[in-house]
Amino acid sequence: VGVGRSFQRLYQISKGSCRTEISGQVLSVLLQNEVFGETSFVDEDPTSNDCSIVTDCDGVELLIIEGYFINVLMQTREGFSGRFYHYLGMILASRLARLDL
């Protein structure tokens, strides 16, 4: 994700693992069934870092959900918005708990 780019997408690792890096520094390791891209839904500002998602193995598979479709569900399904943001909050809380501060 390049600096200044704005997008809304959720990615789920359906097979394999990845890591997030900024300027070559590893921020986190993401395993099968983990989700990333969630901050694009809670922070509408373009990215301020040049973040990379990297894998060291072949055969990594990602499921991608475009923000457009999530926004349609928010507008058409009562209660979806609250459940969605609760889910994102749980992901972010889990990430914070794993940080070594």
N, C-alpha and C. Protein backbone atom coordinates (compact mmCIF):
# COMPACT_ATOMS: atom_id res chain seq x y z
N VAL A 1 0.86 -1.17 0.00
CA VAL A 1 0.00 0.00 0.00
C VAL A 1 0.90 1.22 0.00
N GLY A 2 0.81 2.02 -1.00
CA GLY A 2 1.68 3.17 -1.12
C GLY A 2 1.22 4.36 -0.29
N VAL A 3 2.16 5.23 0.01
CA VAL A 3 1.87 6.44 0.77
C VAL A 3 0.85 7.27 0.01
N GLY A 4 -0.15 7.77 0.72
CA GLY A 4 -1.15 8.63 0.12
C GLY A 4 -2.26 7.91 -0.61
N ARG A 5 -2.22 6.58 -0.68
CA ARG A 5 -3.28 5.84 -1.36
C ARG A 5 -4.42 5.58 -0.39
N SER A 6 -5.62 5.65 -0.92
CA SER A 6 -6.81 5.42 -0.11
C SER A 6 -7.60 4.28 -0.74
N PHE A 7 -8.03 3.33 0.07
CA PHE A 7 -8.82 2.23 -0.41
C PHE A 7 -9.63 1.66 0.75
N GLN A 8 -10.63 0.88 0.42
CA GLN A 8 -11.38 0.14 1.43
C GLN A 8 -11.51 -1.29 0.94
N ARG A 9 -10.76 -2.17 1.57
CA ARG A 9 -10.79 -3.59 1.26
C ARG A 9 -10.44 -4.37 2.51
N LEU A 10 -11.06 -5.53 2.65
CA LEU A 10 -10.66 -6.48 3.68
C LEU A 10 -10.03 -7.67 2.99
N TYR A 11 -8.96 -8.16 3.56
CA TYR A 11 -8.27 -9.33 3.04
C TYR A 11 -8.27 -10.40 4.13
N GLN A 12 -8.57 -11.63 3.76
CA GLN A 12 -8.46 -12.74 4.70
C GLN A 12 -7.52 -13.76 4.08
N ILE A 13 -6.57 -14.23 4.89
CA ILE A 13 -5.62 -15.23 4.43
C ILE A 13 -6.31 -16.59 4.54
N SER A 14 -6.63 -17.18 3.40
CA SER A 14 -7.31 -18.47 3.43
C SER A 14 -6.32 -19.64 3.39
N LYS A 15 -5.08 -19.35 3.00
CA LYS A 15 -4.05 -20.38 2.97
C LYS A 15 -2.69 -19.70 3.08
N GLY A 16 -1.84 -20.22 3.96
CA GLY A 16 -0.49 -19.69 4.11
C GLY A 16 -0.38 -18.63 5.19
N SER A 17 0.67 -17.82 5.09
CA SER A 17 0.89 -16.75 6.06
C SER A 17 1.60 -15.59 5.37
N CYS A 18 1.50 -14.42 5.97
CA CYS A 18 2.13 -13.20 5.45
C CYS A 18 2.68 -12.41 6.63
N ARG A 19 3.43 -11.39 6.30
CA ARG A 19 3.89 -10.46 7.32
C ARG A 19 3.73 -9.04 6.79
N THR A 20 3.53 -8.10 7.69
CA THR A 20 3.45 -6.70 7.30
C THR A 20 4.79 -6.04 7.60
N GLU A 21 5.23 -5.20 6.67
CA GLU A 21 6.51 -4.51 6.82
C GLU A 21 6.36 -3.05 6.43
N ILE A 22 7.11 -2.21 7.12
CA ILE A 22 7.27 -0.82 6.72
C ILE A 22 8.77 -0.57 6.67
N SER A 23 9.24 -0.15 5.51
CA SER A 23 10.67 0.12 5.30
C SER A 23 11.54 -1.07 5.72
N GLY A 24 11.09 -2.28 5.44
CA GLY A 24 11.85 -3.48 5.76
C GLY A 24 11.73 -3.96 7.19
N GLN A 25 11.07 -3.20 8.06
CA GLN A 25 10.89 -3.60 9.45
C GLN A 25 9.57 -4.38 9.58
N VAL A 26 9.67 -5.59 10.12
CA VAL A 26 8.49 -6.44 10.28
C VAL A 26 7.63 -5.91 11.43
N LEU A 27 6.36 -5.65 11.13
CA LEU A 27 5.42 -5.17 12.14
C LEU A 27 4.64 -6.31 12.76
N SER A 28 4.22 -7.26 11.92
CA SER A 28 3.43 -8.37 12.43
C SER A 28 3.48 -9.54 11.45
N VAL A 29 3.17 -10.70 11.98
CA VAL A 29 3.02 -11.91 11.16
C VAL A 29 1.54 -12.28 11.20
N LEU A 30 0.99 -12.51 10.02
CA LEU A 30 -0.43 -12.84 9.90
C LEU A 30 -0.56 -14.28 9.43
N LEU A 31 -1.36 -15.05 10.13
CA LEU A 31 -1.50 -16.47 9.86
C LEU A 31 -2.82 -16.75 9.14
N GLN A 32 -2.99 -18.01 8.74
CA GLN A 32 -4.20 -18.43 8.05
C GLN A 32 -5.43 -18.02 8.84
N ASN A 33 -6.43 -17.54 8.14
CA ASN A 33 -7.72 -17.06 8.64
C ASN A 33 -7.66 -15.68 9.27
N GLU A 34 -6.47 -15.06 9.36
CA GLU A 34 -6.42 -13.69 9.88
C GLU A 34 -6.81 -12.71 8.79
N VAL A 35 -7.23 -11.53 9.24
CA VAL A 35 -7.74 -10.48 8.36
C VAL A 35 -6.83 -9.27 8.45
N PHE A 36 -6.64 -8.58 7.33
CA PHE A 36 -5.96 -7.29 7.35
C PHE A 36 -6.66 -6.34 6.39
N GLY A 37 -6.36 -5.06 6.51
CA GLY A 37 -7.01 -4.03 5.72
C GLY A 37 -8.13 -3.34 6.47
N GLU A 38 -8.37 -3.78 7.71
CA GLU A 38 -9.51 -3.26 8.48
C GLU A 38 -9.38 -1.78 8.81
N THR A 39 -8.17 -1.27 8.91
CA THR A 39 -8.03 0.15 9.27
C THR A 39 -8.56 1.07 8.17
N SER A 40 -8.68 0.56 6.95
CA SER A 40 -9.22 1.39 5.87
C SER A 40 -10.69 1.74 6.10
N PHE A 41 -11.35 1.01 7.01
CA PHE A 41 -12.75 1.29 7.32
C PHE A 41 -12.91 2.20 8.52
N VAL A 42 -11.88 2.33 9.33
CA VAL A 42 -12.00 3.19 10.52
C VAL A 42 -11.19 4.48 10.39
N ASP A 43 -10.32 4.55 9.39
CA ASP A 43 -9.51 5.74 9.16
C ASP A 43 -9.59 6.07 7.67
N GLU A 44 -10.36 7.08 7.33
CA GLU A 44 -10.57 7.42 5.93
C GLU A 44 -9.41 8.19 5.30
N ASP A 45 -8.44 8.63 6.11
CA ASP A 45 -7.31 9.35 5.56
C ASP A 45 -6.44 8.40 4.74
N PRO A 46 -5.84 8.91 3.67
CA PRO A 46 -4.91 8.07 2.91
C PRO A 46 -3.77 7.58 3.81
N THR A 47 -3.16 6.49 3.43
CA THR A 47 -2.09 5.91 4.23
C THR A 47 -0.93 6.88 4.38
N SER A 48 -0.31 6.85 5.55
CA SER A 48 0.83 7.73 5.80
C SER A 48 2.14 6.96 5.77
N ASN A 49 2.07 5.64 5.60
CA ASN A 49 3.27 4.80 5.51
C ASN A 49 3.22 3.95 4.26
N ASP A 50 4.38 3.55 3.80
CA ASP A 50 4.48 2.65 2.66
C ASP A 50 4.56 1.23 3.21
N CYS A 51 3.41 0.60 3.38
CA CYS A 51 3.30 -0.71 4.02
C CYS A 51 3.29 -1.80 2.97
N SER A 52 4.00 -2.89 3.25
CA SER A 52 4.04 -4.04 2.35
C SER A 52 3.52 -5.27 3.06
N ILE A 53 2.82 -6.12 2.31
CA ILE A 53 2.42 -7.44 2.78
C ILE A 53 3.31 -8.42 2.03
N VAL A 54 4.07 -9.22 2.78
CA VAL A 54 5.10 -10.08 2.19
C VAL A 54 4.87 -11.52 2.62
N THR A 55 5.16 -12.45 1.72
CA THR A 55 5.12 -13.87 2.07
C THR A 55 6.40 -14.53 1.62
N ASP A 56 6.81 -15.56 2.34
CA ASP A 56 8.02 -16.30 1.99
C ASP A 56 7.70 -17.67 1.40
N CYS A 57 6.42 -17.96 1.21
CA CYS A 57 6.06 -19.28 0.71
C CYS A 57 5.16 -19.18 -0.51
N ASP A 58 5.16 -20.23 -1.31
CA ASP A 58 4.28 -20.30 -2.47
C ASP A 58 2.89 -20.74 -2.02
N GLY A 59 1.92 -20.42 -2.81
CA GLY A 59 0.58 -20.94 -2.57
C GLY A 59 -0.25 -20.17 -1.58
N VAL A 60 0.15 -18.96 -1.22
CA VAL A 60 -0.68 -18.15 -0.32
C VAL A 60 -1.95 -17.76 -1.09
N GLU A 61 -3.08 -17.90 -0.42
CA GLU A 61 -4.35 -17.53 -1.02
C GLU A 61 -5.04 -16.49 -0.14
N LEU A 62 -5.54 -15.44 -0.78
CA LEU A 62 -6.25 -14.37 -0.08
C LEU A 62 -7.67 -14.27 -0.61
N LEU A 63 -8.59 -14.02 0.29
CA LEU A 63 -9.95 -13.65 -0.08
C LEU A 63 -10.03 -12.14 0.06
N ILE A 64 -10.59 -11.48 -0.93
CA ILE A 64 -10.66 -10.02 -0.92
C ILE A 64 -12.12 -9.59 -0.96
N ILE A 65 -12.50 -8.73 -0.03
CA ILE A 65 -13.85 -8.17 -0.01
C ILE A 65 -13.71 -6.67 -0.25
N GLU A 66 -14.23 -6.22 -1.37
CA GLU A 66 -14.17 -4.80 -1.71
C GLU A 66 -15.09 -3.99 -0.79
N GLY A 67 -14.63 -2.83 -0.40
CA GLY A 67 -15.39 -1.97 0.48
C GLY A 67 -16.75 -1.59 -0.06
N TYR A 68 -16.88 -1.51 -1.38
CA TYR A 68 -18.16 -1.18 -2.00
C TYR A 68 -19.25 -2.14 -1.53
N PHE A 69 -18.94 -3.43 -1.53
CA PHE A 69 -19.93 -4.43 -1.16
C PHE A 69 -20.27 -4.39 0.33
N ILE A 70 -19.27 -4.10 1.15
CA ILE A 70 -19.53 -3.95 2.58
C ILE A 70 -20.42 -2.74 2.82
N ASN A 71 -20.15 -1.65 2.11
CA ASN A 71 -20.98 -0.45 2.25
C ASN A 71 -22.42 -0.69 1.79
N VAL A 72 -22.62 -1.50 0.74
CA VAL A 72 -23.97 -1.86 0.29
C VAL A 72 -24.69 -2.63 1.40
N LEU A 73 -23.99 -3.58 2.01
CA LEU A 73 -24.60 -4.35 3.11
C LEU A 73 -24.97 -3.44 4.28
N MET A 74 -24.12 -2.45 4.56
CA MET A 74 -24.42 -1.52 5.66
C MET A 74 -25.69 -0.73 5.39
N GLN A 75 -25.92 -0.42 4.13
CA GLN A 75 -27.10 0.37 3.77
C GLN A 75 -28.36 -0.46 3.64
N THR A 76 -28.23 -1.75 3.39
CA THR A 76 -29.40 -2.57 3.11
C THR A 76 -29.74 -3.60 4.19
N ARG A 77 -28.83 -3.89 5.10
CA ARG A 77 -29.07 -4.90 6.14
C ARG A 77 -29.06 -4.25 7.52
N GLU A 78 -30.20 -4.20 8.11
CA GLU A 78 -30.31 -3.60 9.44
C GLU A 78 -29.42 -4.35 10.43
N GLY A 79 -28.65 -3.60 11.20
CA GLY A 79 -27.79 -4.19 12.22
C GLY A 79 -26.42 -4.63 11.72
N PHE A 80 -26.25 -4.70 10.40
CA PHE A 80 -24.96 -5.16 9.87
C PHE A 80 -23.84 -4.21 10.26
N SER A 81 -24.09 -2.93 10.18
CA SER A 81 -23.06 -1.93 10.46
C SER A 81 -22.48 -2.09 11.86
N GLY A 82 -23.34 -2.23 12.84
CA GLY A 82 -22.89 -2.39 14.22
C GLY A 82 -22.08 -3.66 14.42
N ARG A 83 -22.55 -4.77 13.84
CA ARG A 83 -21.82 -6.05 13.95
C ARG A 83 -20.48 -5.97 13.24
N PHE A 84 -20.44 -5.30 12.09
CA PHE A 84 -19.21 -5.18 11.32
C PHE A 84 -18.16 -4.39 12.11
N TYR A 85 -18.57 -3.24 12.65
CA TYR A 85 -17.60 -2.43 13.39
C TYR A 85 -17.21 -3.08 14.72
N HIS A 86 -18.08 -3.84 15.30
CA HIS A 86 -17.72 -4.61 16.50
C HIS A 86 -16.64 -5.63 16.13
N TYR A 87 -16.81 -6.31 15.02
CA TYR A 87 -15.82 -7.27 14.53
C TYR A 87 -14.46 -6.59 14.29
N LEU A 88 -14.49 -5.44 13.64
CA LEU A 88 -13.24 -4.71 13.40
C LEU A 88 -12.59 -4.30 14.71
N GLY A 89 -13.40 -3.88 15.67
CA GLY A 89 -12.87 -3.53 16.99
C GLY A 89 -12.19 -4.71 17.66
N MET A 90 -12.76 -5.89 17.51
CA MET A 90 -12.16 -7.10 18.08
C MET A 90 -10.82 -7.42 17.42
N ILE A 91 -10.74 -7.24 16.11
CA ILE A 91 -9.48 -7.47 15.39
C ILE A 91 -8.41 -6.50 15.90
N LEU A 92 -8.77 -5.22 15.97
CA LEU A 92 -7.81 -4.20 16.40
C LEU A 92 -7.39 -4.40 17.85
N ALA A 93 -8.31 -4.78 18.71
CA ALA A 93 -7.98 -5.03 20.11
C ALA A 93 -7.02 -6.22 20.23
N SER A 94 -7.25 -7.24 19.43
CA SER A 94 -6.37 -8.40 19.43
C SER A 94 -4.96 -8.02 18.98
N ARG A 95 -4.88 -7.17 17.95
CA ARG A 95 -3.56 -6.72 17.46
C ARG A 95 -2.83 -5.91 18.53
N LEU A 96 -3.55 -5.04 19.21
CA LEU A 96 -2.94 -4.23 20.27
C LEU A 96 -2.44 -5.11 21.41
N ALA A 97 -3.19 -6.13 21.74
CA ALA A 97 -2.80 -7.02 22.82
C ALA A 97 -1.52 -7.80 22.48
N ARG A 98 -1.29 -8.03 21.19
CA ARG A 98 -0.10 -8.77 20.78
C ARG A 98 1.15 -7.91 20.67
N LEU A 99 0.97 -6.59 20.67
CA LEU A 99 2.13 -5.70 20.55
C LEU A 99 3.00 -5.79 21.80
N ASP A 100 4.26 -5.75 21.58
CA ASP A 100 5.21 -5.76 22.71
C ASP A 100 5.62 -4.32 23.00
N LEU A 101 4.83 -3.65 23.84
CA LEU A 101 5.09 -2.22 24.12
C LEU A 101 5.96 -2.02 25.32
